[in-house]
């Protein structure tokens, strides 16, 4: 007889995650208390603030950061600062406190001002990253800490990468800068579509979120991909619908809603046009 396989897993070392270079110590989605925030304070952890509503000015003894909705601001550990915002408006943020082993080395290359200046370039990407980080933080799991480290690391990496592009842009050709911008627009557009797939999505809404004109977004998408934005959106909706039809018990109407169609009859026509079969017949065929 063959040797019986052992499918048990060895327990994880208790200090395994203590060795990770990034640790998320606290996170919240909150409306600031203006009295506390405007007092000078400091924390032993670094702070990432992603502005959801309102605008803020972070004052330190040596520099000032300004942020509006969609911006991401980084305050290094042990930096005395004040968070100033209008008291007659709502100021809501994602506030993340982290320990970052590489912070000192990174700050030799990029100042908090340089990191703040680039966050608005890819607001959709950063908003999505903070949403994912918050979901990980509020969902308990065995691997919560490494997942939080990965999510926070992604945000810090993208801030540094964008700062590097901006800092050394003078040595790059205009063609390279334009090409990088076009690739970033493609990345942001695809991520937005994936996030908004269950909603009616308009070209104007996508363009506004990415901070380009609708005409420019449509033209760049077609040139970069070889097909139109509307055809890509339909393709993504249909692939998602096909997945829901085979992996869930949702009704045809519910599947239509889940992929952004409010008229199930129109959804069925689009599905048939894509796969030459009706949604109900596709489901029956998959079940055989």
Protein backbone atom coordinates (compact mmCIF):
# COMPACT_ATOMS: atom_id res chain seq x y z
CA UNK A 1 0.00 0.00 0.00
CA UNK A 2 1.13 3.51 -0.72
CA UNK A 3 1.97 5.87 2.05
CA UNK A 4 -1.02 7.82 3.28
CA UNK A 5 -0.64 11.48 2.45
CA UNK A 6 -0.60 13.96 5.29
CA UNK A 7 -2.75 16.98 4.40
CA UNK A 8 -2.32 18.77 7.71
CA UNK A 9 -0.51 22.10 7.80
CA UNK A 10 2.14 23.06 10.29
CA UNK A 11 1.10 25.93 12.58
CA UNK A 12 2.38 29.35 11.61
CA UNK A 13 5.16 30.82 13.77
CA UNK A 14 3.57 33.30 16.20
CA UNK A 15 6.04 36.04 15.23
CA UNK A 16 5.85 35.51 11.46
CA UNK A 17 3.99 38.71 10.64
CA UNK A 18 6.06 40.79 13.08
CA UNK A 19 8.87 40.68 10.51
CA UNK A 20 6.88 42.32 7.71
CA UNK A 21 8.20 45.79 6.72
CA UNK A 22 4.70 47.34 6.81
CA UNK A 23 2.15 46.87 9.58
CA UNK A 24 -1.30 48.45 9.65
CA UNK A 25 -1.92 49.40 13.26
CA UNK A 26 -5.30 51.10 12.95
CA UNK A 27 -7.75 52.19 10.30
CA UNK A 28 -11.08 53.95 10.26
CA UNK A 29 -13.50 55.79 8.06
CA UNK A 30 -14.33 58.81 10.11
CA UNK A 31 -15.56 62.36 10.34
CA UNK A 32 -12.88 64.33 12.19
CA UNK A 33 -13.44 66.10 15.47
CA UNK A 34 -12.27 69.64 14.57
CA UNK A 35 -11.37 70.58 18.15
CA UNK A 36 -8.97 67.64 18.56
CA UNK A 37 -7.62 67.69 15.02
CA UNK A 38 -6.64 71.36 15.04
CA UNK A 39 -4.53 70.95 18.14
CA UNK A 40 -0.91 70.11 17.41
CA UNK A 41 -0.42 66.38 17.92
CA UNK A 42 1.94 63.63 16.88
CA UNK A 43 1.85 59.84 16.68
CA UNK A 44 4.50 57.15 16.79
CA UNK A 45 2.87 55.64 13.69
CA UNK A 46 2.85 57.13 10.20
CA UNK A 47 -0.51 58.33 8.89
CA UNK A 48 -2.14 57.93 5.51
CA UNK A 49 -5.21 60.10 4.95
CA UNK A 50 -7.43 59.59 1.92
CA UNK A 51 -9.96 62.43 1.68
CA UNK A 52 -13.52 61.27 0.92
CA UNK A 53 -15.40 64.54 1.48
CA UNK A 54 -14.31 68.10 2.12
CA UNK A 55 -10.79 69.55 2.09
CA UNK A 56 -7.97 69.82 4.61
CA UNK A 57 -4.71 71.60 5.31
CA UNK A 58 -2.12 69.68 7.35
CA UNK A 59 0.35 72.06 8.97
CA UNK A 60 3.71 70.93 10.35
CA UNK A 61 6.57 73.07 11.68
CA UNK A 62 8.36 72.86 8.30
CA UNK A 63 5.75 72.39 5.57
CA UNK A 64 2.02 72.39 4.76
CA UNK A 65 0.00 69.77 2.85
CA UNK A 66 -3.32 70.51 1.18
CA UNK A 67 -5.87 67.92 0.11
CA UNK A 68 -9.35 67.75 -1.39
CA UNK A 69 -11.72 64.85 -2.04
CA UNK A 70 -9.79 62.08 -3.79
CA UNK A 71 -6.34 63.14 -2.54
CA UNK A 72 -4.03 61.02 -0.40
CA UNK A 73 -1.71 62.63 2.17
CA UNK A 74 1.17 61.02 4.05
CA UNK A 75 2.41 62.24 7.44
CA UNK A 76 5.62 60.56 8.71
CA UNK A 77 5.82 59.09 12.20
CA UNK A 78 6.51 61.46 15.10
CA UNK A 79 5.74 64.55 13.04
CA UNK A 80 3.93 67.26 15.04
CA UNK A 81 1.03 68.52 12.94
CA UNK A 82 -2.44 70.05 12.91
CA UNK A 83 -5.34 68.99 10.65
CA UNK A 84 -7.25 72.16 9.70
CA UNK A 85 -10.53 72.13 7.78
CA UNK A 86 -13.65 74.35 7.65
CA UNK A 87 -15.89 73.64 10.62
CA UNK A 88 -19.07 74.35 8.66
CA UNK A 89 -18.42 71.48 6.22
CA UNK A 90 -18.17 67.70 6.55
CA UNK A 91 -14.63 66.36 6.39
CA UNK A 92 -14.65 62.57 6.01
CA UNK A 93 -11.56 60.44 5.44
CA UNK A 94 -9.99 57.04 5.52
CA UNK A 95 -7.34 57.35 8.24
CA UNK A 96 -4.68 54.62 8.32
CA UNK A 97 -1.95 54.36 10.94
CA UNK A 98 1.01 52.25 9.89
CA UNK A 99 4.50 51.26 10.91
CA UNK A 100 6.80 51.38 7.89
CA UNK A 101 10.33 50.04 8.23
CA UNK A 102 11.52 51.69 5.00
CA UNK A 103 10.02 55.10 5.73
CA UNK A 104 13.28 56.84 6.56
CA UNK A 105 14.99 55.66 3.36
CA UNK A 106 12.01 56.56 1.17
CA UNK A 107 11.79 60.05 2.68
CA UNK A 108 15.39 60.64 1.60
CA UNK A 109 14.10 60.43 -1.98
CA UNK A 110 10.61 61.93 -1.74
CA UNK A 111 9.20 64.47 0.68
CA UNK A 112 5.60 64.28 1.97
CA UNK A 113 4.90 67.29 -0.26
CA UNK A 114 6.06 65.39 -3.36
CA UNK A 115 3.98 62.37 -2.38
CA UNK A 116 0.90 64.55 -1.87
CA UNK A 117 1.32 66.33 -5.20
CA UNK A 118 0.93 63.10 -7.19
CA UNK A 119 -2.06 61.52 -5.45
CA UNK A 120 -4.60 63.40 -7.52
CA UNK A 121 -3.19 61.95 -10.76
CA UNK A 122 -4.87 58.58 -10.17
CA UNK A 123 -7.71 59.28 -7.78
CA UNK A 124 -9.83 56.33 -8.93
CA UNK A 125 -6.98 53.90 -8.33
CA UNK A 126 -6.25 55.24 -4.85
CA UNK A 127 -9.93 55.30 -3.90
CA UNK A 128 -10.27 51.67 -4.93
CA UNK A 129 -7.11 50.71 -3.03
CA UNK A 130 -8.36 52.35 0.19
CA UNK A 131 -11.77 50.70 -0.19
CA UNK A 132 -10.06 47.30 -0.46
CA UNK A 133 -7.82 48.07 2.51
CA UNK A 134 -10.85 49.02 4.62
CA UNK A 135 -12.67 45.81 3.67
CA UNK A 136 -9.62 43.77 4.69
CA UNK A 137 -9.36 45.66 7.98
CA UNK A 138 -13.01 45.04 8.89
CA UNK A 139 -12.94 41.35 7.91
CA UNK A 140 -11.22 39.06 10.39
CA UNK A 141 -9.20 36.21 8.92
CA UNK A 142 -6.05 34.21 9.63
CA UNK A 143 -4.12 36.13 7.01
CA UNK A 144 -5.56 39.55 7.78
CA UNK A 145 -2.22 41.13 8.75
CA UNK A 146 -0.29 40.11 5.61
CA UNK A 147 -3.20 41.16 3.41
CA UNK A 148 -3.33 44.54 5.13
CA UNK A 149 0.42 44.88 4.61
CA UNK A 150 0.02 44.09 0.90
CA UNK A 151 -2.81 46.61 0.46
CA UNK A 152 -1.00 49.37 2.36
CA UNK A 153 2.22 48.56 0.51
CA UNK A 154 0.43 48.95 -2.81
CA UNK A 155 -0.74 52.44 -1.84
CA UNK A 156 2.72 53.51 -0.68
CA UNK A 157 4.35 52.01 -3.76
CA UNK A 158 2.00 53.83 -6.13
CA UNK A 159 2.59 57.13 -4.32
CA UNK A 160 6.35 56.69 -4.63
CA UNK A 161 6.18 55.50 -8.23
CA UNK A 162 4.08 58.48 -9.28
CA UNK A 163 6.38 60.84 -7.35
CA UNK A 164 9.40 59.37 -9.15
CA UNK A 165 7.76 59.89 -12.54
CA UNK A 166 6.95 63.49 -11.66
CA UNK A 167 10.36 64.21 -10.13
CA UNK A 168 12.34 62.91 -13.08
CA UNK A 169 9.90 63.97 -15.80
CA UNK A 170 12.28 66.69 -16.98
CA UNK A 171 14.73 64.05 -18.20
CA UNK A 172 12.05 62.11 -20.08
CA UNK A 173 10.76 62.85 -23.52
CA UNK A 174 7.24 64.27 -23.90
CA UNK A 175 6.34 61.15 -25.88
CA UNK A 176 7.25 58.85 -22.99
CA UNK A 177 5.31 60.97 -20.51
CA UNK A 178 2.24 61.00 -22.75
CA UNK A 179 2.48 57.24 -23.27
CA UNK A 180 2.66 56.62 -19.52
CA UNK A 181 -0.35 58.86 -18.96
CA UNK A 182 -2.35 56.97 -21.60
CA UNK A 183 -1.49 53.63 -19.98
CA UNK A 184 -2.57 54.99 -16.60
CA UNK A 185 -5.87 56.13 -18.08
CA UNK A 186 -6.44 52.60 -19.40
CA UNK A 187 -5.66 51.06 -16.02
CA UNK A 188 -7.94 53.46 -14.15
CA UNK A 189 -10.77 52.97 -16.66
CA UNK A 190 -10.67 49.18 -16.41
CA UNK A 191 -10.62 49.31 -12.61
CA UNK A 192 -13.56 51.71 -12.53
CA UNK A 193 -15.59 49.55 -14.89
CA UNK A 194 -14.90 46.48 -12.75
CA UNK A 195 -16.01 48.39 -9.65
CA UNK A 196 -19.13 49.92 -11.23
CA UNK A 197 -20.20 46.93 -13.31
CA UNK A 198 -23.53 46.60 -11.48
CA UNK A 199 -24.45 50.22 -12.25
CA UNK A 200 -25.36 52.12 -15.41
CA UNK A 201 -22.01 53.52 -16.54
CA UNK A 202 -21.74 56.57 -18.76
CA UNK A 203 -18.74 57.87 -20.68
CA UNK A 204 -19.15 61.23 -18.92
CA UNK A 205 -19.00 59.62 -15.45
CA UNK A 206 -15.88 57.63 -16.31
CA UNK A 207 -14.17 60.66 -17.79
CA UNK A 208 -15.02 62.82 -14.79
CA UNK A 209 -13.65 60.20 -12.36
CA UNK A 210 -10.37 60.00 -14.29
CA UNK A 211 -10.23 63.78 -14.84
CA UNK A 212 -10.13 63.77 -18.64
CA UNK A 213 -12.64 64.84 -21.29
CA UNK A 214 -15.13 62.24 -22.58
CA UNK A 215 -13.83 62.72 -26.13
CA UNK A 216 -10.21 62.16 -25.05
CA UNK A 217 -11.07 59.07 -23.01
CA UNK A 218 -13.04 57.53 -25.89
CA UNK A 219 -10.30 58.26 -28.41
CA UNK A 220 -7.43 57.03 -26.22
CA UNK A 221 -9.26 53.85 -25.27
CA UNK A 222 -9.96 52.98 -28.90
CA UNK A 223 -6.38 53.75 -29.98
CA UNK A 224 -4.77 51.78 -27.14
CA UNK A 225 -7.01 48.71 -27.40
CA UNK A 226 -8.23 48.50 -30.96
CA UNK A 227 -11.88 48.45 -29.89
CA UNK A 228 -14.30 50.97 -28.42
CA UNK A 229 -14.96 51.65 -24.77
CA UNK A 230 -18.63 50.73 -25.16
CA UNK A 231 -17.75 47.35 -26.69
CA UNK A 232 -15.32 46.64 -23.85
CA UNK A 233 -17.99 47.53 -21.29
CA UNK A 234 -20.51 45.22 -22.97
CA UNK A 235 -17.93 42.42 -23.11
CA UNK A 236 -17.20 42.75 -19.39
CA UNK A 237 -20.91 42.78 -18.55
CA UNK A 238 -21.54 39.67 -20.63
CA UNK A 239 -18.62 37.74 -19.15
CA UNK A 240 -19.85 38.60 -15.66
CA UNK A 241 -23.39 37.59 -16.61
CA UNK A 242 -22.18 34.26 -17.97
CA UNK A 243 -20.37 33.63 -14.68
CA UNK A 244 -23.45 34.47 -12.61
CA UNK A 245 -25.69 32.26 -14.73
CA UNK A 246 -23.49 29.21 -14.15
CA UNK A 247 -22.34 29.83 -10.58
CA UNK A 248 -25.41 31.30 -8.86
CA UNK A 249 -29.15 30.75 -8.67
CA UNK A 250 -29.99 34.38 -9.39
CA UNK A 251 -32.97 34.92 -11.66
CA UNK A 252 -32.43 36.36 -15.15
CA UNK A 253 -33.73 39.71 -13.91
CA UNK A 254 -31.35 39.64 -10.93
CA UNK A 255 -28.41 38.77 -13.19
CA UNK A 256 -29.37 41.67 -15.46
CA UNK A 257 -29.36 44.07 -12.49
CA UNK A 258 -26.04 42.66 -11.25
CA UNK A 259 -24.34 43.60 -14.53
CA UNK A 260 -25.88 47.06 -14.88
CA UNK A 261 -29.02 46.45 -16.95
CA UNK A 262 -32.34 47.68 -15.56
CA UNK A 263 -34.34 46.10 -18.42
CA UNK A 264 -34.03 42.31 -18.35
CA UNK A 265 -35.51 41.97 -21.86
CA UNK A 266 -32.84 44.29 -23.28
CA UNK A 267 -30.20 42.36 -21.32
CA UNK A 268 -31.41 39.11 -22.89
CA UNK A 269 -31.12 40.61 -26.39
CA UNK A 270 -27.58 41.80 -25.71
CA UNK A 271 -26.63 38.39 -24.25
CA UNK A 272 -28.05 36.59 -27.28
CA UNK A 273 -26.13 38.93 -29.55
CA UNK A 274 -22.89 38.10 -27.73
CA UNK A 275 -23.28 34.31 -27.37
CA UNK A 276 -26.00 33.40 -29.90
CA UNK A 277 -28.10 31.87 -27.13
CA UNK A 278 -30.55 33.24 -24.57
CA UNK A 279 -29.52 33.54 -20.90
CA UNK A 280 -32.02 30.88 -19.78
CA UNK A 281 -30.95 28.46 -22.50
CA UNK A 282 -27.29 29.09 -21.63
CA UNK A 283 -27.99 28.23 -17.99
CA UNK A 284 -29.84 25.02 -18.92
CA UNK A 285 -27.01 24.01 -21.25
CA UNK A 286 -24.43 24.61 -18.52
CA UNK A 287 -26.41 22.46 -16.05
CA UNK A 288 -26.44 19.43 -18.33
